[in-house]
Amino acid sequence: MAEVKIKLNTIDDVKKFVNIVFKYEYDVDVISGRYAVDAKSILGLFSIDLSKDVTVKIHYDNCEELLAEIKEFTV
């Protein structure tokens, strides 16, 4: 399992992030405060506060490829 802080500044960032995460079979959550949503759900992401940094929790041990792909969003 891995955790990383990210910032999604625009609608296009959210779309790009979801498209990247959707390619992977394992579960990925985005956590904002006390709320956790599925990172593969664009509606879920828009339901949380994206004006602040959020935490991405990846439920898989060998996730270096995904971490590399979302590096542009990392804070």
C-alpha atoms as a PDB file:
ATOM      1  CA  MET A   1       0.000   0.000   0.000  1.00  0.00           C
ATOM      2  CA  ALA A   2       1.173   3.496  -0.807  1.00  0.00           C
ATOM      3  CA  GLU A   3      -0.029   6.998  -0.006  1.00  0.00           C
ATOM      4  CA  VAL A   4       0.799  10.239  -1.768  1.00  0.00           C
ATOM      5  CA  LYS A   5      -0.544  13.814  -1.574  1.00  0.00           C
ATOM      6  CA  ILE A   6      -1.795  15.350  -4.817  1.00  0.00           C
ATOM      7  CA  LYS A   7      -3.413  18.555  -6.028  1.00  0.00           C
ATOM      8  CA  LEU A   8      -5.980  18.609  -8.839  1.00  0.00           C
ATOM      9  CA  ASN A   9      -6.280  22.219  -9.987  1.00  0.00           C
ATOM     10  CA  THR A  10      -8.597  22.007 -13.001  1.00  0.00           C
ATOM     11  CA  ILE A  11     -11.394  19.892 -14.433  1.00  0.00           C
ATOM     12  CA  ASP A  12      -8.929  18.612 -17.022  1.00  0.00           C
ATOM     13  CA  ASP A  13      -6.585  17.510 -14.213  1.00  0.00           C
ATOM     14  CA  VAL A  14      -9.423  15.500 -12.664  1.00  0.00           C
ATOM     15  CA  LYS A  15     -10.284  13.866 -16.012  1.00  0.00           C
ATOM     16  CA  LYS A  16      -6.650  13.024 -16.711  1.00  0.00           C
ATOM     17  CA  PHE A  17      -6.137  11.616 -13.201  1.00  0.00           C
ATOM     18  CA  VAL A  18      -9.237   9.405 -13.445  1.00  0.00           C
ATOM     19  CA  ASN A  19      -8.175   8.127 -16.884  1.00  0.00           C
ATOM     20  CA  ILE A  20      -4.736   7.213 -15.540  1.00  0.00           C
ATOM     21  CA  VAL A  21      -6.042   5.447 -12.431  1.00  0.00           C
ATOM     22  CA  PHE A  22      -8.781   3.644 -14.376  1.00  0.00           C
ATOM     23  CA  LYS A  23      -6.156   1.642 -16.304  1.00  0.00           C
ATOM     24  CA  TYR A  24      -5.087  -0.188 -13.141  1.00  0.00           C
ATOM     25  CA  GLU A  25      -7.024  -3.126 -11.720  1.00  0.00           C
ATOM     26  CA  TYR A  26      -6.289  -2.481  -8.061  1.00  0.00           C
ATOM     27  CA  ASP A  27      -8.270  -0.199  -5.744  1.00  0.00           C
ATOM     28  CA  VAL A  28      -7.279   3.434  -5.376  1.00  0.00           C
ATOM     29  CA  ASP A  29      -9.005   5.871  -3.025  1.00  0.00           C
ATOM     30  CA  VAL A  30      -8.845   9.640  -2.715  1.00  0.00           C
ATOM     31  CA  ILE A  31      -9.188  10.971   0.828  1.00  0.00           C
ATOM     32  CA  SER A  32     -10.155  14.514   1.729  1.00  0.00           C
ATOM     33  CA  GLY A  33     -10.660  15.104   5.429  1.00  0.00           C
ATOM     34  CA  ARG A  34     -12.984  12.389   6.675  1.00  0.00           C
ATOM     35  CA  TYR A  35     -14.302  11.519   3.208  1.00  0.00           C
ATOM     36  CA  ALA A  36     -12.899   8.773   0.993  1.00  0.00           C
ATOM     37  CA  VAL A  37     -14.006   8.213  -2.599  1.00  0.00           C
ATOM     38  CA  ASP A  38     -13.061   5.807  -5.351  1.00  0.00           C
ATOM     39  CA  ALA A  39     -10.341   7.438  -7.471  1.00  0.00           C
ATOM     40  CA  LYS A  40     -11.854   5.843 -10.583  1.00  0.00           C
ATOM     41  CA  SER A  41     -15.103   7.783 -10.082  1.00  0.00           C
ATOM     42  CA  ILE A  42     -15.128  11.231 -11.640  1.00  0.00           C
ATOM     43  CA  LEU A  43     -18.389  12.017  -9.826  1.00  0.00           C
ATOM     44  CA  GLY A  44     -16.848  10.892  -6.558  1.00  0.00           C
ATOM     45  CA  LEU A  45     -13.888  13.206  -7.035  1.00  0.00           C
ATOM     46  CA  PHE A  46     -16.140  16.173  -7.751  1.00  0.00           C
ATOM     47  CA  SER A  47     -18.045  15.463  -4.522  1.00  0.00           C
ATOM     48  CA  ILE A  48     -15.009  16.233  -2.331  1.00  0.00           C
ATOM     49  CA  ASP A  49     -13.116  19.454  -1.663  1.00  0.00           C
ATOM     50  CA  LEU A  50     -10.453  19.656  -4.369  1.00  0.00           C
ATOM     51  CA  SER A  51      -9.374  23.174  -3.440  1.00  0.00           C
ATOM     52  CA  LYS A  52      -6.960  21.580  -0.958  1.00  0.00           C
ATOM     53  CA  ASP A  53      -4.405  18.810  -1.285  1.00  0.00           C
ATOM     54  CA  VAL A  54      -5.913  15.322  -1.114  1.00  0.00           C
ATOM     55  CA  THR A  55      -4.377  11.969  -0.234  1.00  0.00           C
ATOM     56  CA  VAL A  56      -4.285   9.121  -2.735  1.00  0.00           C
ATOM     57  CA  LYS A  57      -4.262   5.694  -1.105  1.00  0.00           C
ATOM     58  CA  ILE A  58      -3.199   2.866  -3.425  1.00  0.00           C
ATOM     59  CA  HIS A  59      -4.183  -0.607  -2.226  1.00  0.00           C
ATOM     60  CA  TYR A  60      -1.363  -2.485  -3.929  1.00  0.00           C
ATOM     61  CA  ASP A  61       2.296  -3.020  -3.099  1.00  0.00           C
ATOM     62  CA  ASN A  62       3.927  -2.779  -6.538  1.00  0.00           C
ATOM     63  CA  CYS A  63       2.458   0.512  -7.711  1.00  0.00           C
ATOM     64  CA  GLU A  64       5.575   2.317  -8.942  1.00  0.00           C
ATOM     65  CA  GLU A  65       4.173   2.594 -12.476  1.00  0.00           C
ATOM     66  CA  LEU A  66       1.005   4.336 -11.259  1.00  0.00           C
ATOM     67  CA  LEU A  67       3.017   6.628  -8.977  1.00  0.00           C
ATOM     68  CA  ALA A  68       5.178   7.617 -11.951  1.00  0.00           C
ATOM     69  CA  GLU A  69       2.116   8.402 -14.066  1.00  0.00           C
ATOM     70  CA  ILE A  70       0.502  10.645 -11.434  1.00  0.00           C
ATOM     71  CA  LYS A  71       3.760  12.370 -10.519  1.00  0.00           C
ATOM     72  CA  GLU A  72       2.666  15.606 -12.232  1.00  0.00           C
ATOM     73  CA  PHE A  73      -0.126  15.959  -9.637  1.00  0.00           C
ATOM     74  CA  THR A  74       2.079  15.176  -6.628  1.00  0.00           C
ATOM     75  CA  VAL A  75       2.567  17.946  -4.082  1.00  0.00           C
END
